[in-house]
Amino acid sequence: MDTDRYSRQVALVTLDLRLVNQLMAEAGYAWTYEQYCRERAPCGRFRKA
């Protein structure tokens, strides 16, 4: 877990071995600001195809 510049908690969330973050991005309910990603590998998976 991490904290952004606005003091919000930011984390990768899993449920049944699936990344909820990725599911939300794929469905259009979330997006990725890659300039803030510390770990590039997970962030790249969140981009919409």
N, C-alpha and C. Protein backbone atom coordinates (compact mmCIF):
# COMPACT_ATOMS: atom_id res chain seq x y z
N MET A 1 0.85 -1.17 0.00
CA MET A 1 0.00 0.00 0.00
C MET A 1 0.89 1.23 0.00
N ASP A 2 0.39 2.28 -0.62
CA ASP A 2 1.14 3.52 -0.74
C ASP A 2 0.19 4.68 -0.47
N THR A 3 0.72 5.86 -0.38
CA THR A 3 -0.08 7.07 -0.18
C THR A 3 0.28 8.06 -1.27
N ASP A 4 -0.74 8.65 -1.91
CA ASP A 4 -0.45 9.62 -2.97
C ASP A 4 -0.25 11.01 -2.38
N ARG A 5 -0.02 11.97 -3.26
CA ARG A 5 0.30 13.33 -2.77
C ARG A 5 -0.87 14.01 -2.09
N TYR A 6 -2.07 13.45 -2.21
CA TYR A 6 -3.25 14.00 -1.53
C TYR A 6 -3.61 13.20 -0.28
N SER A 7 -2.68 12.36 0.17
CA SER A 7 -2.83 11.53 1.37
C SER A 7 -3.89 10.43 1.21
N ARG A 8 -4.17 10.03 -0.03
CA ARG A 8 -5.09 8.91 -0.26
C ARG A 8 -4.29 7.62 -0.31
N GLN A 9 -4.87 6.55 0.19
CA GLN A 9 -4.19 5.26 0.13
C GLN A 9 -4.39 4.65 -1.26
N VAL A 10 -3.30 4.12 -1.80
CA VAL A 10 -3.30 3.54 -3.13
C VAL A 10 -2.71 2.13 -3.01
N ALA A 11 -3.36 1.14 -3.65
CA ALA A 11 -2.88 -0.23 -3.53
C ALA A 11 -3.33 -1.06 -4.72
N LEU A 12 -2.66 -2.19 -4.91
CA LEU A 12 -3.12 -3.22 -5.83
C LEU A 12 -4.05 -4.12 -5.04
N VAL A 13 -5.26 -4.33 -5.56
CA VAL A 13 -6.28 -5.10 -4.85
C VAL A 13 -6.52 -6.41 -5.59
N THR A 14 -6.48 -7.52 -4.85
CA THR A 14 -6.74 -8.83 -5.47
C THR A 14 -7.97 -9.47 -4.84
N LEU A 15 -8.66 -10.26 -5.66
CA LEU A 15 -9.81 -11.03 -5.21
C LEU A 15 -9.81 -12.32 -6.02
N ASP A 16 -9.73 -13.44 -5.35
CA ASP A 16 -9.68 -14.75 -6.03
C ASP A 16 -8.57 -14.78 -7.08
N LEU A 17 -7.40 -14.28 -6.71
CA LEU A 17 -6.20 -14.28 -7.56
C LEU A 17 -6.31 -13.38 -8.79
N ARG A 18 -7.29 -12.49 -8.84
CA ARG A 18 -7.42 -11.54 -9.95
C ARG A 18 -7.23 -10.13 -9.43
N LEU A 19 -6.60 -9.28 -10.24
CA LEU A 19 -6.39 -7.90 -9.85
C LEU A 19 -7.67 -7.09 -10.09
N VAL A 20 -8.28 -6.62 -9.02
CA VAL A 20 -9.49 -5.82 -9.12
C VAL A 20 -9.17 -4.52 -9.87
N ASN A 21 -8.00 -3.95 -9.65
CA ASN A 21 -7.59 -2.73 -10.33
C ASN A 21 -7.68 -2.92 -11.85
N GLN A 22 -7.17 -4.05 -12.33
CA GLN A 22 -7.16 -4.33 -13.76
C GLN A 22 -8.59 -4.51 -14.28
N LEU A 23 -9.42 -5.24 -13.53
CA LEU A 23 -10.80 -5.45 -13.94
C LEU A 23 -11.55 -4.12 -14.05
N MET A 24 -11.31 -3.23 -13.10
CA MET A 24 -11.97 -1.92 -13.13
C MET A 24 -11.51 -1.10 -14.32
N ALA A 25 -10.23 -1.12 -14.63
CA ALA A 25 -9.70 -0.38 -15.77
C ALA A 25 -10.26 -0.94 -17.08
N GLU A 26 -10.30 -2.25 -17.20
CA GLU A 26 -10.83 -2.87 -18.41
C GLU A 26 -12.30 -2.53 -18.62
N ALA A 27 -13.05 -2.38 -17.54
CA ALA A 27 -14.47 -2.06 -17.63
C ALA A 27 -14.72 -0.56 -17.79
N GLY A 28 -13.66 0.25 -17.71
CA GLY A 28 -13.80 1.69 -17.86
C GLY A 28 -14.13 2.44 -16.59
N TYR A 29 -14.06 1.76 -15.44
CA TYR A 29 -14.37 2.40 -14.16
C TYR A 29 -13.16 3.00 -13.47
N ALA A 30 -11.98 2.78 -14.04
CA ALA A 30 -10.73 3.30 -13.45
C ALA A 30 -9.75 3.54 -14.59
N TRP A 31 -8.71 4.30 -14.32
CA TRP A 31 -7.68 4.56 -15.31
C TRP A 31 -6.34 4.64 -14.62
N THR A 32 -5.30 4.59 -15.41
CA THR A 32 -3.95 4.56 -14.89
C THR A 32 -3.20 5.82 -15.28
N TYR A 33 -2.57 6.46 -14.33
CA TYR A 33 -1.64 7.55 -14.59
C TYR A 33 -0.24 6.94 -14.49
N GLU A 34 0.31 6.56 -15.63
CA GLU A 34 1.56 5.82 -15.63
C GLU A 34 2.72 6.61 -15.03
N GLN A 35 2.65 7.93 -15.07
CA GLN A 35 3.75 8.71 -14.50
C GLN A 35 3.84 8.54 -12.99
N TYR A 36 2.77 8.03 -12.36
CA TYR A 36 2.78 7.81 -10.93
C TYR A 36 3.01 6.35 -10.54
N CYS A 37 3.09 5.46 -11.52
CA CYS A 37 3.30 4.04 -11.24
C CYS A 37 4.75 3.78 -10.84
N ARG A 38 4.92 3.21 -9.70
CA ARG A 38 6.27 2.86 -9.25
C ARG A 38 6.70 1.52 -9.82
N GLU A 39 5.74 0.64 -10.04
CA GLU A 39 6.02 -0.68 -10.61
C GLU A 39 5.39 -0.71 -11.99
N ARG A 40 6.21 -0.65 -13.02
CA ARG A 40 5.71 -0.55 -14.40
C ARG A 40 4.96 -1.80 -14.85
N ALA A 41 5.37 -2.98 -14.41
CA ALA A 41 4.74 -4.21 -14.90
C ALA A 41 3.23 -4.24 -14.63
N PRO A 42 2.77 -4.02 -13.40
CA PRO A 42 1.33 -4.06 -13.18
C PRO A 42 0.60 -2.94 -13.93
N CYS A 43 1.18 -1.78 -13.99
CA CYS A 43 0.51 -0.65 -14.63
C CYS A 43 0.27 -0.90 -16.12
N GLY A 44 1.20 -1.54 -16.78
CA GLY A 44 1.05 -1.82 -18.20
C GLY A 44 -0.13 -2.73 -18.48
N ARG A 45 -0.48 -3.59 -17.54
CA ARG A 45 -1.61 -4.50 -17.73
C ARG A 45 -2.94 -3.78 -17.62
N PHE A 46 -2.96 -2.58 -17.03
CA PHE A 46 -4.22 -1.88 -16.81
C PHE A 46 -4.66 -1.07 -18.02
N ARG A 47 -3.80 -0.90 -19.02
CA ARG A 47 -4.18 -0.12 -20.20
C ARG A 47 -5.29 -0.84 -20.95
N LYS A 48 -6.23 -0.06 -21.46
CA LYS A 48 -7.30 -0.66 -22.25
C LYS A 48 -6.75 -1.05 -23.61
N ALA A 49 -7.20 -2.19 -24.11
CA ALA A 49 -6.73 -2.69 -25.41
C ALA A 49 -7.39 -1.94 -26.55
